[in-house]
C-alpha atoms as a PDB file:
ATOM      1  CA  MET A   1       0.135  -0.110  -0.135  1.00  0.00           C
ATOM      2  CA  LYS A   2       2.005   3.905  -1.372  1.00  0.00           C
ATOM      3  CA  ARG A   3       0.006   6.764   0.162  1.00  0.00           C
ATOM      4  CA  ALA A   4      -0.617   9.831  -3.013  1.00  0.00           C
ATOM      5  CA  SER A   5       2.802  12.212  -3.001  1.00  0.00           C
ATOM      6  CA  TYR A   6       2.552  15.751  -3.763  1.00  0.00           C
ATOM      7  CA  PHE A   7       4.920  18.323  -6.014  1.00  0.00           C
ATOM      8  CA  LEU A   8       5.238  21.222  -7.618  1.00  0.00           C
ATOM      9  CA  VAL A   9       6.845  21.519 -10.472  1.00  0.00           C
ATOM     10  CA  SER A  10       8.580  24.677 -11.501  1.00  0.00           C
ATOM     11  CA  LEU A  11       8.313  26.129 -15.055  1.00  0.00           C
ATOM     12  CA  SER A  12      11.102  28.147 -16.239  1.00  0.00           C
ATOM     13  CA  ASN A  13       8.657  30.803 -18.488  1.00  0.00           C
ATOM     14  CA  ARG A  14       5.288  32.256 -18.679  1.00  0.00           C
ATOM     15  CA  GLU A  15       4.907  30.777 -22.305  1.00  0.00           C
ATOM     16  CA  ASN A  16       5.517  27.103 -20.701  1.00  0.00           C
ATOM     17  CA  LEU A  17       3.479  27.615 -18.096  1.00  0.00           C
ATOM     18  CA  GLY A  18      -0.081  28.221 -20.306  1.00  0.00           C
ATOM     19  CA  LEU A  19       0.770  25.691 -22.233  1.00  0.00           C
ATOM     20  CA  CYS A  20       1.022  23.175 -19.561  1.00  0.00           C
ATOM     21  CA  LYS A  21      -2.379  25.038 -17.967  1.00  0.00           C
ATOM     22  CA  LYS A  22      -3.634  24.317 -21.890  1.00  0.00           C
ATOM     23  CA  TYR A  23      -3.041  21.062 -22.868  1.00  0.00           C
ATOM     24  CA  ALA A  24      -3.578  19.974 -18.900  1.00  0.00           C
ATOM     25  CA  LEU A  25       0.168  18.155 -19.086  1.00  0.00           C
ATOM     26  CA  ALA A  26       3.436  18.246 -17.619  1.00  0.00           C
ATOM     27  CA  GLY A  27       7.189  18.217 -19.950  1.00  0.00           C
ATOM     28  CA  PHE A  28      10.458  17.941 -19.088  1.00  0.00           C
ATOM     29  CA  THR A  29      13.611  18.090 -20.572  1.00  0.00           C
ATOM     30  CA  ASN A  30      15.827  15.349 -22.132  1.00  0.00           C
ATOM     31  CA  SER A  31      18.126  16.087 -19.108  1.00  0.00           C
ATOM     32  CA  ILE A  32      19.062  14.045 -16.028  1.00  0.00           C
ATOM     33  CA  ASN A  33      17.189  16.150 -14.098  1.00  0.00           C
ATOM     34  CA  GLY A  34      14.500  15.643 -16.466  1.00  0.00           C
ATOM     35  CA  VAL A  35      14.432  11.101 -16.351  1.00  0.00           C
ATOM     36  CA  TRP A  36      14.932  11.991 -12.774  1.00  0.00           C
ATOM     37  CA  THR A  37      11.535  14.181 -12.207  1.00  0.00           C
ATOM     38  CA  PHE A  38       9.181  11.603 -14.806  1.00  0.00           C
ATOM     39  CA  SER A  39      11.132   8.945 -12.172  1.00  0.00           C
ATOM     40  CA  GLU A  40      10.154  11.339  -9.178  1.00  0.00           C
ATOM     41  CA  LEU A  41       6.127  11.395  -9.862  1.00  0.00           C
ATOM     42  CA  ASN A  42       4.210   8.489 -10.551  1.00  0.00           C
ATOM     43  CA  GLU A  43       0.613   7.624 -11.861  1.00  0.00           C
ATOM     44  CA  GLY A  44      -2.026   8.480  -8.438  1.00  0.00           C
ATOM     45  CA  ASP A  45       0.475  11.500  -6.982  1.00  0.00           C
ATOM     46  CA  TYR A  46      -0.555  14.798  -7.387  1.00  0.00           C
ATOM     47  CA  LEU A  47       1.065  18.544  -8.710  1.00  0.00           C
ATOM     48  CA  SER A  48       0.968  21.888  -8.647  1.00  0.00           C
ATOM     49  CA  PHE A  49       2.802  24.678 -11.188  1.00  0.00           C
ATOM     50  CA  LEU A  50       5.420  26.530  -9.532  1.00  0.00           C
ATOM     51  CA  TYR A  51       6.037  29.789 -11.230  1.00  0.00           C
ATOM     52  CA  GLY A  52       6.780  33.830 -10.357  1.00  0.00           C
ATOM     53  CA  ALA A  53       6.934  32.257  -6.907  1.00  0.00           C
ATOM     54  CA  ARG A  54       2.457  30.936  -6.955  1.00  0.00           C
ATOM     55  CA  ALA A  55       1.725  27.848  -6.950  1.00  0.00           C
ATOM     56  CA  HIS A  56      -0.825  27.150  -9.917  1.00  0.00           C
ATOM     57  CA  ASN A  57      -3.854  24.387  -9.606  1.00  0.00           C
ATOM     58  CA  LEU A  58      -3.944  20.917  -8.337  1.00  0.00           C
ATOM     59  CA  TYR A  59      -3.863  18.610 -11.082  1.00  0.00           C
ATOM     60  CA  GLN A  60      -3.235  14.538 -10.049  1.00  0.00           C
ATOM     61  CA  VAL A  61      -1.308  12.205 -12.844  1.00  0.00           C
ATOM     62  CA  VAL A  62      -2.999  10.173 -14.823  1.00  0.00           C
ATOM     63  CA  LYS A  63      -0.885   8.704 -17.344  1.00  0.00           C
ATOM     64  CA  LYS A  64       2.784   8.649 -17.947  1.00  0.00           C
ATOM     65  CA  GLU A  65       4.735   8.614 -21.059  1.00  0.00           C
ATOM     66  CA  ALA A  66       8.835   8.653 -22.559  1.00  0.00           C
ATOM     67  CA  ILE A  67       7.577  10.274 -26.070  1.00  0.00           C
ATOM     68  CA  GLU A  68       9.726   8.899 -29.062  1.00  0.00           C
ATOM     69  CA  ASN A  69      10.833  12.394 -31.202  1.00  0.00           C
ATOM     70  CA  ALA A  70      10.127  14.818 -29.117  1.00  0.00           C
ATOM     71  CA  VAL A  71      12.391  17.646 -30.427  1.00  0.00           C
ATOM     72  CA  ASN A  72       9.190  17.727 -33.428  1.00  0.00           C
ATOM     73  CA  ILE A  73       6.320  17.140 -31.046  1.00  0.00           C
ATOM     74  CA  GLY A  74       5.155  20.400 -29.459  1.00  0.00           C
ATOM     75  CA  PRO A  75       4.034  22.155 -27.392  1.00  0.00           C
ATOM     76  CA  TRP A  76       6.617  23.483 -25.760  1.00  0.00           C
ATOM     77  CA  LYS A  77       9.299  24.507 -28.064  1.00  0.00           C
ATOM     78  CA  PRO A  78      12.468  23.550 -27.905  1.00  0.00           C
ATOM     79  CA  VAL A  79      15.155  25.134 -25.606  1.00  0.00           C
ATOM     80  CA  THR A  80      18.432  26.048 -26.703  1.00  0.00           C
ATOM     81  CA  PHE A  81      21.341  27.357 -23.985  1.00  0.00           C
ATOM     82  CA  LYS A  82      24.081  30.241 -25.312  1.00  0.00           C
ATOM     83  CA  MET A  83      26.457  29.227 -23.030  1.00  0.00           C
ATOM     84  CA  SER A  84      26.827  25.402 -23.343  1.00  0.00           C
ATOM     85  CA  GLY A  85      24.818  25.285 -26.936  1.00  0.00           C
ATOM     86  CA  LYS A  86      23.174  21.834 -25.967  1.00  0.00           C
ATOM     87  CA  THR A  87      19.573  22.516 -26.571  1.00  0.00           C
ATOM     88  CA  TYR A  88      17.063  20.418 -25.091  1.00  0.00           C
ATOM     89  CA  TYR A  89      13.785  19.387 -25.398  1.00  0.00           C
ATOM     90  CA  PHE A  90      10.736  18.130 -23.900  1.00  0.00           C
ATOM     91  CA  PRO A  91      10.876  13.765 -24.701  1.00  0.00           C
ATOM     92  CA  PHE A  92       9.078  13.180 -20.211  1.00  0.00           C
ATOM     93  CA  ARG A  93       5.609  13.618 -20.135  1.00  0.00           C
ATOM     94  CA  LEU A  94       2.984  13.231 -17.612  1.00  0.00           C
ATOM     95  CA  TRP A  95      -0.915  13.860 -18.488  1.00  0.00           C
ATOM     96  CA  LEU A  96      -3.110  15.197 -16.051  1.00  0.00           C
ATOM     97  CA  LYS A  97      -6.828  15.430 -14.657  1.00  0.00           C
ATOM     98  CA  PRO A  98      -7.483  18.952 -13.731  1.00  0.00           C
ATOM     99  CA  ILE A  99      -8.715  18.912  -9.877  1.00  0.00           C
ATOM    100  CA  ARG A 100      -8.543  22.383  -8.329  1.00  0.00           C
ATOM    101  CA  LYS A 101      -8.331  26.194  -9.900  1.00  0.00           C
ATOM    102  CA  PHE A 102      -6.469  28.077  -7.760  1.00  0.00           C
ATOM    103  CA  ASN A 103      -3.620  30.513  -8.387  1.00  0.00           C
ATOM    104  CA  GLU A 104      -1.887  31.380  -4.899  1.00  0.00           C
ATOM    105  CA  PRO A 105       1.287  32.906  -3.554  1.00  0.00           C
ATOM    106  CA  ILE A 106       4.082  30.376  -1.817  1.00  0.00           C
ATOM    107  CA  VAL A 107       4.816  32.900   0.556  1.00  0.00           C
ATOM    108  CA  ARG A 108       1.385  31.666   2.497  1.00  0.00           C
ATOM    109  CA  ASN A 109       1.777  29.835   5.609  1.00  0.00           C
ATOM    110  CA  GLU A 110       0.152  26.692   4.075  1.00  0.00           C
ATOM    111  CA  PHE A 111       3.136  26.153   1.471  1.00  0.00           C
ATOM    112  CA  SER A 112       5.513  26.799   4.312  1.00  0.00           C
ATOM    113  CA  TYR A 113       7.830  23.600   3.430  1.00  0.00           C
ATOM    114  CA  VAL A 114       8.138  24.224   0.109  1.00  0.00           C
ATOM    115  CA  ALA A 115       9.108  27.709   1.045  1.00  0.00           C
ATOM    116  CA  GLU A 116      11.905  27.273   3.651  1.00  0.00           C
ATOM    117  CA  ASN A 117      12.779  24.896   0.669  1.00  0.00           C
ATOM    118  CA  LEU A 118      13.247  27.741  -2.219  1.00  0.00           C
ATOM    119  CA  LEU A 119      14.685  30.094  -0.111  1.00  0.00           C
ATOM    120  CA  LEU A 120      17.218  27.920   1.500  1.00  0.00           C
ATOM    121  CA  ARG A 121      17.754  26.774  -2.016  1.00  0.00           C
ATOM    122  CA  GLY A 122      18.009  30.468  -3.071  1.00  0.00           C
ATOM    123  CA  GLY A 123      15.261  29.571  -5.476  1.00  0.00           C
ATOM    124  CA  TYR A 124      14.382  27.086  -7.834  1.00  0.00           C
ATOM    125  CA  ARG A 125      17.739  25.222  -9.683  1.00  0.00           C
ATOM    126  CA  LYS A 126      15.478  22.302  -9.842  1.00  0.00           C
ATOM    127  CA  THR A 127      12.843  20.663 -11.332  1.00  0.00           C
ATOM    128  CA  HIS A 128      10.641  19.897  -8.743  1.00  0.00           C
ATOM    129  CA  PHE A 129       9.939  20.619  -4.893  1.00  0.00           C
ATOM    130  CA  GLN A 130       8.141  17.141  -2.739  1.00  0.00           C
ATOM    131  CA  ALA A 131       5.256  18.845  -0.541  1.00  0.00           C
ATOM    132  CA  ASP A 132       4.576  16.658   2.718  1.00  0.00           C
ATOM    133  CA  GLN A 133       0.578  15.402   2.900  1.00  0.00           C
ATOM    134  CA  THR A 134      -0.598  18.652   5.531  1.00  0.00           C
ATOM    135  CA  THR A 135       0.085  21.124   2.300  1.00  0.00           C
ATOM    136  CA  LEU A 136      -1.705  18.198  -0.202  1.00  0.00           C
ATOM    137  CA  GLN A 137      -4.646  18.372   2.874  1.00  0.00           C
ATOM    138  CA  ASN A 138      -4.370  21.902   2.288  1.00  0.00           C
ATOM    139  CA  VAL A 139      -3.859  22.510  -1.456  1.00  0.00           C
ATOM    140  CA  SER A 140      -7.167  20.240  -1.967  1.00  0.00           C
ATOM    141  CA  GLN A 141      -9.519  23.188  -0.128  1.00  0.00           C
ATOM    142  CA  MET A 142      -7.169  26.039  -1.473  1.00  0.00           C
ATOM    143  CA  GLY A 143      -9.678  27.657  -4.507  1.00  0.00           C
ATOM    144  CA  SER A 144     -12.228  25.971  -5.877  1.00  0.00           C
ATOM    145  CA  LEU A 145     -13.028  22.889  -8.269  1.00  0.00           C
ATOM    146  CA  TYR A 146     -11.942  22.306 -11.548  1.00  0.00           C
ATOM    147  CA  LYS A 147     -14.438  22.914 -14.234  1.00  0.00           C
ATOM    148  CA  GLU A 148     -12.577  24.392 -17.321  1.00  0.00           C
ATOM    149  CA  GLY A 149     -12.063  21.871 -19.961  1.00  0.00           C
ATOM    150  CA  VAL A 150      -8.793  20.760 -21.568  1.00  0.00           C
ATOM    151  CA  GLU A 151      -7.282  20.550 -25.150  1.00  0.00           C
ATOM    152  CA  LYS A 152      -6.390  17.845 -26.336  1.00  0.00           C
ATOM    153  CA  LEU A 153      -2.870  17.491 -28.502  1.00  0.00           C
ATOM    154  CA  ASN A 154      -3.702  15.907 -31.212  1.00  0.00           C
ATOM    155  CA  VAL A 155      -0.669  14.471 -32.532  1.00  0.00           C
ATOM    156  CA  ARG A 156       0.231  10.909 -33.578  1.00  0.00           C
ATOM    157  CA  TYR A 157       3.210   9.484 -31.690  1.00  0.00           C
ATOM    158  CA  SER A 158       5.423   6.118 -30.144  1.00  0.00           C
ATOM    159  CA  THR A 159       6.964   6.138 -26.698  1.00  0.00           C
ATOM    160  CA  PHE A 160       9.913   4.361 -25.090  1.00  0.00           C
ATOM    161  CA  VAL A 161      11.021   4.097 -21.548  1.00  0.00           C
ATOM    162  CA  PRO A 162      13.811   5.676 -20.474  1.00  0.00           C
ATOM    163  CA  LYS A 163      17.184   3.585 -18.946  1.00  0.00           C
ATOM    164  CA  PHE A 164      19.771   4.078 -16.849  1.00  0.00           C
ATOM    165  CA  THR A 165      23.684   2.094 -16.769  1.00  0.00           C
ATOM    166  CA  ARG A 166      26.381   1.943 -15.106  1.00  0.00           C
ATOM    167  CA  LYS A 167      28.772   2.519 -18.249  1.00  0.00           C
ATOM    168  CA  ARG A 168      29.162   5.898 -19.485  1.00  0.00           C
ATOM    169  CA  SER A 169      29.887   3.746 -23.101  1.00  0.00           C
ATOM    170  CA  GLU A 170      26.064   2.997 -22.829  1.00  0.00           C
ATOM    171  CA  VAL A 171      24.375   6.615 -21.887  1.00  0.00           C
ATOM    172  CA  SER A 172      21.959   7.400 -24.939  1.00  0.00           C
ATOM    173  CA  ASN A 173      20.220  10.145 -24.299  1.00  0.00           C
ATOM    174  CA  PRO A 174      17.255   9.664 -24.283  1.00  0.00           C
ATOM    175  CA  LYS A 175      16.478   6.326 -23.567  1.00  0.00           C
ATOM    176  CA  ILE A 176      19.075   5.289 -21.723  1.00  0.00           C
ATOM    177  CA  PHE A 177      21.142   8.048 -19.055  1.00  0.00           C
ATOM    178  CA  LEU A 178      24.387   7.293 -17.066  1.00  0.00           C
ATOM    179  CA  PHE A 179      23.029   6.462 -13.022  1.00  0.00           C
ATOM    180  CA  GLN A 180      23.065   9.138 -10.545  1.00  0.00           C
ATOM    181  CA  GLU A 181      22.793   9.922  -6.811  1.00  0.00           C
ATOM    182  CA  ILE A 182      19.972  10.989  -7.357  1.00  0.00           C
ATOM    183  CA  ILE A 183      17.432   7.964  -9.017  1.00  0.00           C
ATOM    184  CA  LEU A 184      19.136   6.211  -6.493  1.00  0.00           C
ATOM    185  CA  GLN A 185      17.717   8.331  -3.468  1.00  0.00           C
ATOM    186  CA  SER A 186      14.255   8.727  -5.745  1.00  0.00           C
ATOM    187  CA  LEU A 187      14.214   4.575  -5.431  1.00  0.00           C
ATOM    188  CA  ILE A 188      14.930   4.128  -2.213  1.00  0.00           C
ATOM    189  CA  ARG A 189      11.896   6.934  -1.629  1.00  0.00           C
ATOM    190  CA  GLN A 190       9.263   4.841  -3.618  1.00  0.00           C
ATOM    191  CA  LYS A 191      10.529   1.724  -1.709  1.00  0.00           C
ATOM    192  CA  LEU A 192      10.129   3.086   1.442  1.00  0.00           C
ATOM    193  CA  THR A 193       6.376   4.779   0.619  1.00  0.00           C
ATOM    194  CA  ASN A 194       5.329   1.167   0.626  1.00  0.00           C
ATOM    195  CA  ILE A 195       4.357   0.335   4.199  1.00  0.00           C
ATOM    196  CA  LYS A 196       5.502  -3.451   4.401  1.00  0.00           C
ATOM    197  CA  ASP A 197       8.971  -1.431   2.928  1.00  0.00           C
ATOM    198  CA  MET A 198       8.663   0.844   5.520  1.00  0.00           C
ATOM    199  CA  LYS A 199       8.449  -1.414   8.783  1.00  0.00           C
ATOM    200  CA  ARG A 200      10.935  -3.664   7.806  1.00  0.00           C
ATOM    201  CA  PHE A 201      13.028  -0.478   7.404  1.00  0.00           C
ATOM    202  CA  LEU A 202      11.964   0.442  11.009  1.00  0.00           C
ATOM    203  CA  ASP A 203      13.486  -3.102  12.548  1.00  0.00           C
ATOM    204  CA  MET A 204      16.672  -2.441  10.634  1.00  0.00           C
ATOM    205  CA  ILE A 205      17.530   0.351  12.343  1.00  0.00           C
ATOM    206  CA  ASP A 206      15.726  -0.368  15.466  1.00  0.00           C
ATOM    207  CA  VAL A 207      13.407   2.167  15.417  1.00  0.00           C
ATOM    208  CA  ASN A 208      10.148   0.777  17.678  1.00  0.00           C
ATOM    209  CA  SER A 209       7.822   4.289  19.011  1.00  0.00           C
ATOM    210  CA  LEU A 210       6.561   4.674  15.477  1.00  0.00           C
ATOM    211  CA  ASN A 211       3.838   3.430  13.298  1.00  0.00           C
ATOM    212  CA  PRO A 212       5.083   2.786   9.328  1.00  0.00           C
ATOM    213  CA  LYS A 213       1.227   3.586   8.350  1.00  0.00           C
ATOM    214  CA  GLU A 214       1.254   7.223   9.947  1.00  0.00           C
ATOM    215  CA  LEU A 215       4.856   7.628   8.259  1.00  0.00           C
ATOM    216  CA  GLU A 216       6.340   9.737   5.613  1.00  0.00           C
ATOM    217  CA  ILE A 217       9.307   9.949   3.586  1.00  0.00           C
ATOM    218  CA  LEU A 218      10.246  13.070   1.384  1.00  0.00           C
ATOM    219  CA  GLY A 219      13.019  13.972  -0.914  1.00  0.00           C
ATOM    220  CA  GLU A 220      15.319  16.308  -0.450  1.00  0.00           C
ATOM    221  CA  LYS A 221      14.579  18.661   2.601  1.00  0.00           C
ATOM    222  CA  ALA A 222      17.339  22.295   2.871  1.00  0.00           C
ATOM    223  CA  LEU A 223      18.989  23.328   5.728  1.00  0.00           C
ATOM    224  CA  PRO A 224      20.647  26.629   6.281  1.00  0.00           C
ATOM    225  CA  GLU A 225      24.089  24.804   5.644  1.00  0.00           C
ATOM    226  CA  GLY A 226      23.182  21.747   2.769  1.00  0.00           C
ATOM    227  CA  HIS A 227      19.519  19.637   3.158  1.00  0.00           C
ATOM    228  CA  ILE A 228      19.829  15.638   3.342  1.00  0.00           C
ATOM    229  CA  ASP A 229      18.557  13.599   1.147  1.00  0.00           C
ATOM    230  CA  LEU A 230      15.573  11.726   2.339  1.00  0.00           C
ATOM    231  CA  LEU A 231      13.215  13.061   5.877  1.00  0.00           C
ATOM    232  CA  ILE A 232      11.228  10.047   7.193  1.00  0.00           C
ATOM    233  CA  LYS A 233       8.554  12.217   9.533  1.00  0.00           C
ATOM    234  CA  GLU A 234       4.743  11.636  10.636  1.00  0.00           C
ATOM    235  CA  SER A 235       2.421  12.783   8.377  1.00  0.00           C
ATOM    236  CA  VAL A 236       0.104  14.020  11.247  1.00  0.00           C
ATOM    237  CA  PRO A 237       2.629  15.172  13.959  1.00  0.00           C
ATOM    238  CA  ILE A 238       0.871  15.522  17.141  1.00  0.00           C
ATOM    239  CA  GLY A 239       2.475  16.930  20.429  1.00  0.00           C
ATOM    240  CA  LEU A 240       6.385  15.831  19.456  1.00  0.00           C
ATOM    241  CA  SER A 241       7.474  16.244  15.869  1.00  0.00           C
ATOM    242  CA  ARG A 242       9.482  12.958  15.504  1.00  0.00           C
ATOM    243  CA  ASN A 243      12.005  12.186  12.524  1.00  0.00           C
ATOM    244  CA  ILE A 244      14.317   9.860  10.593  1.00  0.00           C
ATOM    245  CA  VAL A 245      17.411  11.576   8.112  1.00  0.00           C
ATOM    246  CA  ILE A 246      18.577   9.257   5.693  1.00  0.00           C
ATOM    247  CA  GLU A 247      22.490  10.618   3.529  1.00  0.00           C
ATOM    248  CA  VAL A 248      22.052   8.658   0.478  1.00  0.00           C
ATOM    249  CA  LYS A 249      26.100   8.198  -1.046  1.00  0.00           C
ATOM    250  CA  LEU A 250      26.782   6.354  -4.443  1.00  0.00           C
ATOM    251  CA  ASN A 251      29.567   4.107  -3.610  1.00  0.00           C
ATOM    252  CA  LYS A 252      31.518   3.271  -0.503  1.00  0.00           C
ATOM    253  CA  ALA A 253      30.765   5.932   2.125  1.00  0.00           C
ATOM    254  CA  THR A 254      33.702   8.335   3.353  1.00  0.00           C
ATOM    255  CA  GLU A 255      34.282   9.366   7.043  1.00  0.00           C
ATOM    256  CA  LYS A 256      33.131  13.085   6.271  1.00  0.00           C
ATOM    257  CA  ASP A 257      29.653  11.625   5.023  1.00  0.00           C
ATOM    258  CA  PHE A 258      29.361  10.036   8.779  1.00  0.00           C
ATOM    259  CA  GLU A 259      30.017  13.317   9.743  1.00  0.00           C
ATOM    260  CA  GLN A 260      27.884  15.269   7.615  1.00  0.00           C
ATOM    261  CA  LEU A 261      25.258  12.923   8.826  1.00  0.00           C
ATOM    262  CA  LEU A 262      26.180  13.642  12.222  1.00  0.00           C
ATOM    263  CA  PHE A 263      25.689  17.376  11.461  1.00  0.00           C
ATOM    264  CA  TYR A 264      22.459  17.288  10.199  1.00  0.00           C
ATOM    265  CA  ILE A 265      21.149  15.011  13.297  1.00  0.00           C
ATOM    266  CA  LYS A 266      22.308  17.834  15.249  1.00  0.00           C
ATOM    267  CA  GLU A 267      21.312  20.697  13.243  1.00  0.00           C
ATOM    268  CA  PHE A 268      17.289  18.653  13.593  1.00  0.00           C
ATOM    269  CA  GLY A 269      17.798  18.037  17.607  1.00  0.00           C
ATOM    270  CA  GLU A 270      16.546  15.370  20.095  1.00  0.00           C
ATOM    271  CA  GLU A 271      13.475  14.732  18.209  1.00  0.00           C
ATOM    272  CA  CYS A 272      15.742  13.476  15.548  1.00  0.00           C
ATOM    273  CA  LEU A 273      14.971   9.492  16.595  1.00  0.00           C
ATOM    274  CA  LYS A 274      17.616   8.315  13.946  1.00  0.00           C
ATOM    275  CA  GLY A 275      20.398   9.375  11.250  1.00  0.00           C
ATOM    276  CA  VAL A 276      20.593   6.754   8.760  1.00  0.00           C
ATOM    277  CA  LEU A 277      23.686   6.883   6.218  1.00  0.00           C
ATOM    278  CA  ILE A 278      22.814   4.040   2.953  1.00  0.00           C
ATOM    279  CA  ALA A 279      25.370   3.638   0.912  1.00  0.00           C
ATOM    280  CA  LYS A 280      27.046   0.565  -1.580  1.00  0.00           C
ATOM    281  CA  ASP A 281      29.359  -0.143   1.336  1.00  0.00           C
ATOM    282  CA  PHE A 282      31.294   1.125   4.267  1.00  0.00           C
ATOM    283  CA  SER A 283      34.691   0.741   6.224  1.00  0.00           C
ATOM    284  CA  LYS A 284      34.228  -1.776  10.149  1.00  0.00           C
ATOM    285  CA  LYS A 285      36.119   1.209  11.292  1.00  0.00           C
ATOM    286  CA  SER A 286      34.228   3.570  10.387  1.00  0.00           C
ATOM    287  CA  VAL A 287      30.878   2.349  11.213  1.00  0.00           C
ATOM    288  CA  LYS A 288      32.181   1.425  15.295  1.00  0.00           C
ATOM    289  CA  ARG A 289      34.040   5.033  15.284  1.00  0.00           C
ATOM    290  CA  TYR A 290      30.187   6.779  14.975  1.00  0.00           C
ATOM    291  CA  LEU A 291      27.725   4.236  16.775  1.00  0.00           C
ATOM    292  CA  GLN A 292      25.176   6.985  16.382  1.00  0.00           C
ATOM    293  CA  VAL A 293      24.530   6.331  12.820  1.00  0.00           C
ATOM    294  CA  SER A 294      22.868   3.486  11.149  1.00  0.00           C
ATOM    295  CA  PRO A 295      24.862   2.148   8.397  1.00  0.00           C
ATOM    296  CA  ILE A 296      22.299   0.102   5.457  1.00  0.00           C
ATOM    297  CA  ILE A 297      24.375  -1.596   2.426  1.00  0.00           C
ATOM    298  CA  TYR A 298      21.969  -0.926  -1.094  1.00  0.00           C
ATOM    299  CA  ALA A 299      22.701  -3.315  -3.988  1.00  0.00           C
ATOM    300  CA  LEU A 300      21.007  -3.506  -6.987  1.00  0.00           C
ATOM    301  CA  ASN A 301      20.960  -7.123  -8.563  1.00  0.00           C
ATOM    302  CA  ASN A 302      21.865  -7.823 -12.184  1.00  0.00           C
ATOM    303  CA  PHE A 303      22.225  -4.350 -12.811  1.00  0.00           C
ATOM    304  CA  ASP A 304      25.155  -5.462 -15.413  1.00  0.00           C
ATOM    305  CA  ASN A 305      23.198  -3.772 -18.485  1.00  0.00           C
ATOM    306  CA  PRO A 306      20.836  -0.826 -19.020  1.00  0.00           C
ATOM    307  CA  LYS A 307      17.665  -0.773 -16.544  1.00  0.00           C
ATOM    308  CA  SER A 308      14.492   0.664 -16.954  1.00  0.00           C
ATOM    309  CA  PHE A 309      13.414   3.192 -12.829  1.00  0.00           C
ATOM    310  CA  LEU A 310      10.736   0.458 -12.485  1.00  0.00           C
ATOM    311  CA  GLU A 311      13.092  -2.390 -12.967  1.00  0.00           C
ATOM    312  CA  LEU A 312      15.915  -1.176 -10.124  1.00  0.00           C
ATOM    313  CA  LEU A 313      13.120  -0.690  -8.009  1.00  0.00           C
ATOM    314  CA  ASN A 314      12.028  -4.306  -7.964  1.00  0.00           C
ATOM    315  CA  SER A 315      15.557  -5.452  -7.263  1.00  0.00           C
ATOM    316  CA  LEU A 316      16.830  -2.587  -4.834  1.00  0.00           C
ATOM    317  CA  LYS A 317      17.297  -4.622  -1.643  1.00  0.00           C
ATOM    318  CA  LEU A 318      18.035  -2.594   2.064  1.00  0.00           C
ATOM    319  CA  GLU A 319      20.509  -4.630   4.809  1.00  0.00           C
ATOM    320  CA  LYS A 320      22.050  -3.906   7.344  1.00  0.00           C
ATOM    321  CA  PHE A 321      25.828  -3.467   7.288  1.00  0.00           C
ATOM    322  CA  GLU A 322      26.870  -6.418   9.750  1.00  0.00           C
END
């Protein structure tokens, strides 16, 4: 059983915002950030568009598609950056169902979780931001029910499934991307949205005071000095706001990684129940030195050739380092 997540998807200009609203369609570029966002959002999740420090409308994702030859398929125009000379287009798309209509500033208290992330990051600099369940509950009461029509994008196209690889020689944009840490973070987050997997994870890190059915896991929580990769928190905290902070490393963990996590634990204070470091491997010396940290090893079985996000998710294993 999984709970739907809520995201704010940032847009670069007003024209693209208008096209997204017109067709109830979200598009992401042929870049690692684009395929990351496409992998993060699932059918059944909710999103709002973020532009000009304002949140626009509430939508539910009804279908995901990666489009062949999307450079020739609108509604968005390809973008060429002067500095790099690279051209980006929008092969990764989400078909949306409009739920509510609103146009609200994110300085509203209801958007405080996302607004704090934006402020601490010094601006957008990201394709999307995940908000918590409290934010979703708030926006579900904003504005009014969406009653306007949506235009259909009448074009013929074929689709593909994007994949990831560990080998640079196999990279072929936009169909095969190099496996990076942000993709691993998303895999772990999505795995732990499953209540059974969350329960097993809590058992591994010896946290018995939390009910997995009452938790949510969020990506990239900004702090005054840096950001944590994943945050497990109570969806509806009462009296206490207990949480677990998680750092994710693609390769073997270093002592610097342990130190960084200890700093984040201190930043969260006494309501932080545990700090967890997930990595490909650990040195026993570091693990013995940093007893406050729970070391967890991740493994992706049979990742010798390109795999889709779903294939990687199904093969992902998390085990306590012994």
